[in-house]
PDB file of N, CA and C in Angstrom:
ATOM      1  N   MET A   1     -11.519 -17.767   7.467  1.00  0.00           N
ATOM      2  CA  MET A   1     -11.782 -16.542   6.755  1.00  0.00           C
ATOM      3  C   MET A   1     -11.960 -16.875   5.280  1.00  0.00           C
ATOM      4  N   SER A   2     -13.013 -16.383   4.702  1.00  0.00           N
ATOM      5  CA  SER A   2     -13.300 -16.625   3.297  1.00  0.00           C
ATOM      6  C   SER A   2     -12.484 -15.676   2.418  1.00  0.00           C
ATOM      7  N   PRO A   3     -11.970 -16.169   1.276  1.00  0.00           N
ATOM      8  CA  PRO A   3     -11.219 -15.284   0.393  1.00  0.00           C
ATOM      9  C   PRO A   3     -12.103 -14.223  -0.252  1.00  0.00           C
ATOM     10  N   ASP A   4     -13.427 -14.348  -0.106  1.00  0.00           N
ATOM     11  CA  ASP A   4     -14.352 -13.383  -0.694  1.00  0.00           C
ATOM     12  C   ASP A   4     -14.501 -12.115   0.146  1.00  0.00           C
ATOM     13  N   TRP A   5     -13.976 -12.114   1.362  1.00  0.00           N
ATOM     14  CA  TRP A   5     -14.123 -10.948   2.216  1.00  0.00           C
ATOM     15  C   TRP A   5     -13.313  -9.782   1.659  1.00  0.00           C
ATOM     16  N   PRO A   6     -13.934  -8.619   1.534  1.00  0.00           N
ATOM     17  CA  PRO A   6     -13.171  -7.449   1.077  1.00  0.00           C
ATOM     18  C   PRO A   6     -12.273  -6.922   2.192  1.00  0.00           C
ATOM     19  N   VAL A   7     -11.245  -6.194   1.804  1.00  0.00           N
ATOM     20  CA  VAL A   7     -10.395  -5.533   2.795  1.00  0.00           C
ATOM     21  C   VAL A   7     -11.051  -4.193   3.120  1.00  0.00           C
ATOM     22  N   LEU A   8     -11.356  -4.003   4.384  1.00  0.00           N
ATOM     23  CA  LEU A   8     -11.976  -2.769   4.853  1.00  0.00           C
ATOM     24  C   LEU A   8     -10.957  -1.983   5.662  1.00  0.00           C
ATOM     25  N   CYS A   9     -11.106  -0.686   5.660  1.00  0.00           N
ATOM     26  CA  CYS A   9     -10.161   0.189   6.349  1.00  0.00           C
ATOM     27  C   CYS A   9     -10.901   0.979   7.422  1.00  0.00           C
ATOM     28  N   LEU A  10     -10.457   0.844   8.639  1.00  0.00           N
ATOM     29  CA  LEU A  10     -10.983   1.624   9.751  1.00  0.00           C
ATOM     30  C   LEU A  10     -10.001   2.753  10.023  1.00  0.00           C
ATOM     31  N   ARG A  11     -10.492   3.971  10.100  1.00  0.00           N
ATOM     32  CA  ARG A  11      -9.648   5.130  10.404  1.00  0.00           C
ATOM     33  C   ARG A  11     -10.157   5.778  11.669  1.00  0.00           C
ATOM     34  N   VAL A  12      -9.215   6.065  12.552  1.00  0.00           N
ATOM     35  CA  VAL A  12      -9.555   6.624  13.860  1.00  0.00           C
ATOM     36  C   VAL A  12      -8.628   7.792  14.159  1.00  0.00           C
ATOM     37  N   ALA A  13      -9.192   8.862  14.695  1.00  0.00           N
ATOM     38  CA  ALA A  13      -8.417   9.981  15.219  1.00  0.00           C
ATOM     39  C   ALA A  13      -8.701  10.038  16.715  1.00  0.00           C
ATOM     40  N   ALA A  14      -7.637   9.977  17.512  1.00  0.00           N
ATOM     41  CA  ALA A  14      -7.787   9.922  18.966  1.00  0.00           C
ATOM     42  C   ALA A  14      -6.887  10.959  19.627  1.00  0.00           C
ATOM     43  N   GLU A  15      -7.266  11.356  20.826  1.00  0.00           N
ATOM     44  CA  GLU A  15      -6.440  12.270  21.605  1.00  0.00           C
ATOM     45  C   GLU A  15      -5.147  11.574  22.026  1.00  0.00           C
ATOM     46  N   ALA A  16      -4.164  12.390  22.339  1.00  0.00           N
ATOM     47  CA  ALA A  16      -2.876  11.853  22.802  1.00  0.00           C
ATOM     48  C   ALA A  16      -3.093  11.142  24.126  1.00  0.00           C
ATOM     49  N   ASP A  17      -3.142   9.834  24.064  1.00  0.00           N
ATOM     50  CA  ASP A  17      -3.428   9.017  25.237  1.00  0.00           C
ATOM     51  C   ASP A  17      -2.651   7.711  25.058  1.00  0.00           C
ATOM     52  N   PRO A  18      -1.881   7.307  26.045  1.00  0.00           N
ATOM     53  CA  PRO A  18      -1.080   6.087  25.895  1.00  0.00           C
ATOM     54  C   PRO A  18      -1.908   4.835  25.597  1.00  0.00           C
ATOM     55  N   GLY A  19      -3.163   4.808  25.992  1.00  0.00           N
ATOM     56  CA  GLY A  19      -3.996   3.632  25.767  1.00  0.00           C
ATOM     57  C   GLY A  19      -4.840   3.694  24.517  1.00  0.00           C
ATOM     58  N   ALA A  20      -4.702   4.742  23.710  1.00  0.00           N
ATOM     59  CA  ALA A  20      -5.573   4.909  22.541  1.00  0.00           C
ATOM     60  C   ALA A  20      -5.405   3.781  21.531  1.00  0.00           C
ATOM     61  N   LEU A  21      -4.182   3.427  21.236  1.00  0.00           N
ATOM     62  CA  LEU A  21      -3.947   2.367  20.250  1.00  0.00           C
ATOM     63  C   LEU A  21      -4.521   1.032  20.735  1.00  0.00           C
ATOM     64  N   ALA A  22      -4.344   0.743  21.998  1.00  0.00           N
ATOM     65  CA  ALA A  22      -4.897  -0.497  22.560  1.00  0.00           C
ATOM     66  C   ALA A  22      -6.421  -0.500  22.478  1.00  0.00           C
ATOM     67  N   ARG A  23      -7.060   0.652  22.729  1.00  0.00           N
ATOM     68  CA  ARG A  23      -8.520   0.729  22.649  1.00  0.00           C
ATOM     69  C   ARG A  23      -9.013   0.512  21.216  1.00  0.00           C
ATOM     70  N   VAL A  24      -8.263   0.997  20.229  1.00  0.00           N
ATOM     71  CA  VAL A  24      -8.658   0.818  18.835  1.00  0.00           C
ATOM     72  C   VAL A  24      -8.539  -0.655  18.427  1.00  0.00           C
ATOM     73  N   LEU A  25      -7.519  -1.335  18.904  1.00  0.00           N
ATOM     74  CA  LEU A  25      -7.292  -2.727  18.513  1.00  0.00           C
ATOM     75  C   LEU A  25      -8.073  -3.735  19.344  1.00  0.00           C
ATOM     76  N   GLU A  26      -8.567  -3.327  20.490  1.00  0.00           N
ATOM     77  CA  GLU A  26      -9.262  -4.250  21.394  1.00  0.00           C
ATOM     78  C   GLU A  26     -10.450  -4.979  20.760  1.00  0.00           C
ATOM     79  N   PRO A  27     -11.321  -4.311  19.993  1.00  0.00           N
ATOM     80  CA  PRO A  27     -12.454  -5.054  19.408  1.00  0.00           C
ATOM     81  C   PRO A  27     -12.007  -6.200  18.494  1.00  0.00           C
ATOM     82  N   PHE A  28     -10.906  -6.021  17.807  1.00  0.00           N
ATOM     83  CA  PHE A  28     -10.412  -7.076  16.925  1.00  0.00           C
ATOM     84  C   PHE A  28      -9.846  -8.236  17.730  1.00  0.00           C
ATOM     85  N   GLN A  29      -9.191  -7.917  18.835  1.00  0.00           N
ATOM     86  CA  GLN A  29      -8.686  -8.966  19.721  1.00  0.00           C
ATOM     87  C   GLN A  29      -9.852  -9.755  20.306  1.00  0.00           C
ATOM     88  N   ASN A  30     -10.899  -9.053  20.702  1.00  0.00           N
ATOM     89  CA  ASN A  30     -12.069  -9.735  21.263  1.00  0.00           C
ATOM     90  C   ASN A  30     -12.735 -10.660  20.251  1.00  0.00           C
ATOM     91  N   LEU A  31     -12.667 -10.308  18.970  1.00  0.00           N
ATOM     92  CA  LEU A  31     -13.247 -11.139  17.908  1.00  0.00           C
ATOM     93  C   LEU A  31     -12.271 -12.181  17.386  1.00  0.00           C
ATOM     94  N   ASN A  32     -11.043 -12.185  17.930  1.00  0.00           N
ATOM     95  CA  ASN A  32      -9.984 -13.100  17.507  1.00  0.00           C
ATOM     96  C   ASN A  32      -9.679 -12.940  16.012  1.00  0.00           C
ATOM     97  N   VAL A  33      -9.615 -11.678  15.566  1.00  0.00           N
ATOM     98  CA  VAL A  33      -9.306 -11.341  14.183  1.00  0.00           C
ATOM     99  C   VAL A  33      -8.034 -10.505  14.179  1.00  0.00           C
ATOM    100  N   THR A  34      -7.071 -10.915  13.357  1.00  0.00           N
ATOM    101  CA  THR A  34      -5.815 -10.183  13.244  1.00  0.00           C
ATOM    102  C   THR A  34      -5.888  -9.227  12.061  1.00  0.00           C
ATOM    103  N   PRO A  35      -5.652  -7.933  12.286  1.00  0.00           N
ATOM    104  CA  PRO A  35      -5.657  -6.986  11.169  1.00  0.00           C
ATOM    105  C   PRO A  35      -4.559  -7.308  10.166  1.00  0.00           C
ATOM    106  N   ARG A  36      -4.810  -6.969   8.909  1.00  0.00           N
ATOM    107  CA  ARG A  36      -3.792  -7.154   7.872  1.00  0.00           C
ATOM    108  C   ARG A  36      -2.684  -6.119   8.022  1.00  0.00           C
ATOM    109  N   ARG A  37      -3.068  -4.906   8.462  1.00  0.00           N
ATOM    110  CA  ARG A  37      -2.076  -3.847   8.636  1.00  0.00           C
ATOM    111  C   ARG A  37      -2.611  -2.848   9.649  1.00  0.00           C
ATOM    112  N   VAL A  38      -1.699  -2.325  10.467  1.00  0.00           N
ATOM    113  CA  VAL A  38      -2.025  -1.265  11.419  1.00  0.00           C
ATOM    114  C   VAL A  38      -0.970  -0.179  11.263  1.00  0.00           C
ATOM    115  N   VAL A  39      -1.421   1.037  11.036  1.00  0.00           N
ATOM    116  CA  VAL A  39      -0.520   2.178  10.914  1.00  0.00           C
ATOM    117  C   VAL A  39      -0.995   3.230  11.908  1.00  0.00           C
ATOM    118  N   ALA A  40      -0.069   3.696  12.732  1.00  0.00           N
ATOM    119  CA  ALA A  40      -0.402   4.741  13.701  1.00  0.00           C
ATOM    120  C   ALA A  40       0.668   5.820  13.633  1.00  0.00           C
ATOM    121  N   GLU A  41       0.216   7.072  13.624  1.00  0.00           N
ATOM    122  CA  GLU A  41       1.181   8.164  13.601  1.00  0.00           C
ATOM    123  C   GLU A  41       0.606   9.371  14.322  1.00  0.00           C
ATOM    124  N   TRP A  42       1.514  10.133  14.914  1.00  0.00           N
ATOM    125  CA  TRP A  42       1.122  11.361  15.595  1.00  0.00           C
ATOM    126  C   TRP A  42       0.927  12.448  14.565  1.00  0.00           C
ATOM    127  N   GLY A  43      -0.157  13.176  14.673  1.00  0.00           N
ATOM    128  CA  GLY A  43      -0.434  14.306  13.806  1.00  0.00           C
ATOM    129  C   GLY A  43      -0.232  15.597  14.580  1.00  0.00           C
ATOM    130  N   ILE A  44      -0.697  16.674  14.003  1.00  0.00           N
ATOM    131  CA  ILE A  44      -0.594  17.962  14.685  1.00  0.00           C
ATOM    132  C   ILE A  44      -1.583  18.008  15.842  1.00  0.00           C
ATOM    133  N   ASN A  45      -1.333  18.875  16.776  1.00  0.00           N
ATOM    134  CA  ASN A  45      -2.197  19.064  17.953  1.00  0.00           C
ATOM    135  C   ASN A  45      -2.338  17.798  18.788  1.00  0.00           C
ATOM    136  N   ASP A  46      -1.289  16.968  18.817  1.00  0.00           N
ATOM    137  CA  ASP A  46      -1.290  15.744  19.628  1.00  0.00           C
ATOM    138  C   ASP A  46      -2.475  14.828  19.334  1.00  0.00           C
ATOM    139  N   ILE A  47      -2.734  14.622  18.066  1.00  0.00           N
ATOM    140  CA  ILE A  47      -3.775  13.692  17.631  1.00  0.00           C
ATOM    141  C   ILE A  47      -3.088  12.447  17.083  1.00  0.00           C
ATOM    142  N   LEU A  48      -3.543  11.296  17.523  1.00  0.00           N
ATOM    143  CA  LEU A  48      -3.042  10.023  17.028  1.00  0.00           C
ATOM    144  C   LEU A  48      -3.972   9.548  15.919  1.00  0.00           C
ATOM    145  N   HIS A  49      -3.413   9.321  14.736  1.00  0.00           N
ATOM    146  CA  HIS A  49      -4.180   8.821  13.596  1.00  0.00           C
ATOM    147  C   HIS A  49      -3.852   7.340  13.432  1.00  0.00           C
ATOM    148  N   VAL A  50      -4.892   6.517  13.430  1.00  0.00           N
ATOM    149  CA  VAL A  50      -4.717   5.067  13.331  1.00  0.00           C
ATOM    150  C   VAL A  50      -5.509   4.561  12.134  1.00  0.00           C
ATOM    151  N   GLN A  51      -4.866   3.732  11.336  1.00  0.00           N
ATOM    152  CA  GLN A  51      -5.530   3.061  10.221  1.00  0.00           C
ATOM    153  C   GLN A  51      -5.388   1.562  10.435  1.00  0.00           C
ATOM    154  N   VAL A  52      -6.508   0.863  10.406  1.00  0.00           N
ATOM    155  CA  VAL A  52      -6.509  -0.587  10.572  1.00  0.00           C
ATOM    156  C   VAL A  52      -7.141  -1.193   9.319  1.00  0.00           C
ATOM    157  N   ASP A  53      -6.361  -1.965   8.563  1.00  0.00           N
ATOM    158  CA  ASP A  53      -6.881  -2.689   7.401  1.00  0.00           C
ATOM    159  C   ASP A  53      -7.248  -4.089   7.871  1.00  0.00           C
ATOM    160  N   ILE A  54      -8.479  -4.475   7.578  1.00  0.00           N
ATOM    161  CA  ILE A  54      -8.997  -5.728   8.119  1.00  0.00           C
ATOM    162  C   ILE A  54      -9.771  -6.486   7.042  1.00  0.00           C
ATOM    163  N   ALA A  55      -9.621  -7.773   7.019  1.00  0.00           N
ATOM    164  CA  ALA A  55     -10.425  -8.650   6.162  1.00  0.00           C
ATOM    165  C   ALA A  55     -11.026  -9.715   7.073  1.00  0.00           C
ATOM    166  N   GLY A  56     -12.138 -10.254   6.683  1.00  0.00           N
ATOM    167  CA  GLY A  56     -12.761 -11.299   7.485  1.00  0.00           C
ATOM    168  C   GLY A  56     -13.899 -10.794   8.349  1.00  0.00           C
ATOM    169  N   LEU A  57     -14.259  -9.529   8.190  1.00  0.00           N
ATOM    170  CA  LEU A  57     -15.397  -8.977   8.911  1.00  0.00           C
ATOM    171  C   LEU A  57     -16.374  -8.383   7.907  1.00  0.00           C
ATOM    172  N   SER A  58     -17.637  -8.426   8.241  1.00  0.00           N
ATOM    173  CA  SER A  58     -18.651  -7.829   7.376  1.00  0.00           C
ATOM    174  C   SER A  58     -18.647  -6.314   7.544  1.00  0.00           C
ATOM    175  N   GLU A  59     -19.235  -5.639   6.574  1.00  0.00           N
ATOM    176  CA  GLU A  59     -19.352  -4.184   6.665  1.00  0.00           C
ATOM    177  C   GLU A  59     -20.193  -3.784   7.876  1.00  0.00           C
ATOM    178  N   GLU A  60     -21.189  -4.578   8.188  1.00  0.00           N
ATOM    179  CA  GLU A  60     -22.036  -4.275   9.348  1.00  0.00           C
ATOM    180  C   GLU A  60     -21.223  -4.338  10.643  1.00  0.00           C
ATOM    181  N   ARG A  61     -20.370  -5.353  10.760  1.00  0.00           N
ATOM    182  CA  ARG A  61     -19.566  -5.521  11.971  1.00  0.00           C
ATOM    183  C   ARG A  61     -18.560  -4.378  12.119  1.00  0.00           C
ATOM    184  N   ILE A  62     -17.866  -4.017  11.034  1.00  0.00           N
ATOM    185  CA  ILE A  62     -16.892  -2.941  11.117  1.00  0.00           C
ATOM    186  C   ILE A  62     -17.603  -1.613  11.379  1.00  0.00           C
ATOM    187  N   GLY A  63     -18.824  -1.474  10.874  1.00  0.00           N
ATOM    188  CA  GLY A  63     -19.623  -0.279  11.175  1.00  0.00           C
ATOM    189  C   GLY A  63     -19.964  -0.180  12.652  1.00  0.00           C
ATOM    190  N   LEU A  64     -20.299  -1.321  13.256  1.00  0.00           N
ATOM    191  CA  LEU A  64     -20.580  -1.339  14.696  1.00  0.00           C
ATOM    192  C   LEU A  64     -19.330  -1.010  15.510  1.00  0.00           C
ATOM    193  N   ILE A  65     -18.185  -1.528  15.075  1.00  0.00           N
ATOM    194  CA  ILE A  65     -16.930  -1.237  15.776  1.00  0.00           C
ATOM    195  C   ILE A  65     -16.632   0.261  15.696  1.00  0.00           C
ATOM    196  N   ALA A  66     -16.791   0.849  14.514  1.00  0.00           N
ATOM    197  CA  ALA A  66     -16.545   2.289  14.361  1.00  0.00           C
ATOM    198  C   ALA A  66     -17.503   3.100  15.231  1.00  0.00           C
ATOM    199  N   ALA A  67     -18.768   2.692  15.275  1.00  0.00           N
ATOM    200  CA  ALA A  67     -19.754   3.410  16.095  1.00  0.00           C
ATOM    201  C   ALA A  67     -19.411   3.323  17.578  1.00  0.00           C
ATOM    202  N   LYS A  68     -19.007   2.149  18.039  1.00  0.00           N
ATOM    203  CA  LYS A  68     -18.626   1.981  19.445  1.00  0.00           C
ATOM    204  C   LYS A  68     -17.386   2.807  19.782  1.00  0.00           C
ATOM    205  N   LEU A  69     -16.391   2.793  18.883  1.00  0.00           N
ATOM    206  CA  LEU A  69     -15.188   3.583  19.131  1.00  0.00           C
ATOM    207  C   LEU A  69     -15.505   5.070  19.183  1.00  0.00           C
ATOM    208  N   SER A  70     -16.462   5.514  18.385  1.00  0.00           N
ATOM    209  CA  SER A  70     -16.851   6.932  18.379  1.00  0.00           C
ATOM    210  C   SER A  70     -17.432   7.373  19.711  1.00  0.00           C
ATOM    211  N   GLN A  71     -17.931   6.427  20.495  1.00  0.00           N
ATOM    212  CA  GLN A  71     -18.517   6.747  21.796  1.00  0.00           C
ATOM    213  C   GLN A  71     -17.473   6.901  22.897  1.00  0.00           C
ATOM    214  N   VAL A  72     -16.244   6.470  22.652  1.00  0.00           N
ATOM    215  CA  VAL A  72     -15.176   6.580  23.648  1.00  0.00           C
ATOM    216  C   VAL A  72     -14.760   8.046  23.743  1.00  0.00           C
ATOM    217  N   PRO A  73     -14.699   8.614  24.953  1.00  0.00           N
ATOM    218  CA  PRO A  73     -14.401  10.046  25.091  1.00  0.00           C
ATOM    219  C   PRO A  73     -13.099  10.505  24.439  1.00  0.00           C
ATOM    220  N   SER A  74     -12.061   9.693  24.437  1.00  0.00           N
ATOM    221  CA  SER A  74     -10.782  10.128  23.875  1.00  0.00           C
ATOM    222  C   SER A  74     -10.697   9.956  22.352  1.00  0.00           C
ATOM    223  N   ILE A  75     -11.709   9.343  21.755  1.00  0.00           N
ATOM    224  CA  ILE A  75     -11.743   9.159  20.301  1.00  0.00           C
ATOM    225  C   ILE A  75     -12.497  10.334  19.695  1.00  0.00           C
ATOM    226  N   GLN A  76     -11.845  11.036  18.783  1.00  0.00           N
ATOM    227  CA  GLN A  76     -12.488  12.187  18.149  1.00  0.00           C
ATOM    228  C   GLN A  76     -13.299  11.802  16.924  1.00  0.00           C
ATOM    229  N   ASN A  77     -12.830  10.809  16.172  1.00  0.00           N
ATOM    230  CA  ASN A  77     -13.515  10.419  14.952  1.00  0.00           C
ATOM    231  C   ASN A  77     -13.157   8.973  14.633  1.00  0.00           C
ATOM    232  N   ALA A  78     -14.126   8.206  14.176  1.00  0.00           N
ATOM    233  CA  ALA A  78     -13.899   6.835  13.734  1.00  0.00           C
ATOM    234  C   ALA A  78     -14.854   6.529  12.597  1.00  0.00           C
ATOM    235  N   TYR A  79     -14.285   6.050  11.491  1.00  0.00           N
ATOM    236  CA  TYR A  79     -15.119   5.681  10.345  1.00  0.00           C
ATOM    237  C   TYR A  79     -14.393   4.595   9.564  1.00  0.00           C
ATOM    238  N   TRP A  80     -15.115   3.946   8.684  1.00  0.00           N
ATOM    239  CA  TRP A  80     -14.520   2.894   7.864  1.00  0.00           C
ATOM    240  C   TRP A  80     -14.844   3.149   6.394  1.00  0.00           C
ATOM    241  N   HIS A  81     -14.064   2.537   5.520  1.00  0.00           N
ATOM    242  CA  HIS A  81     -14.324   2.587   4.087  1.00  0.00           C
ATOM    243  C   HIS A  81     -13.689   1.373   3.425  1.00  0.00           C
ATOM    244  N   ARG A  82     -14.014   1.155   2.184  1.00  0.00           N
ATOM    245  CA  ARG A  82     -13.434   0.039   1.414  1.00  0.00           C
ATOM    246  C   ARG A  82     -12.039   0.389   0.980  1.00  0.00           C
TER     247      ARG A  82
END
């Protein structure tokens, strides 16, 4: 991993589902990349909010991950930012 990689933040809102957190982290496991930080908390209306801080991936790659996660039926919203 190059020290020049920016830290990007992926934010996901998912339905109350025991496998939601695993589905959010799976793309990083497949790429053999360990997130710098993962925060998950239950919100109102049984929504799981997940924040994944990641370095070592390009903006294009994290954009593709967010787009793929958005296609999962139990994921309500997925986006990334710096």
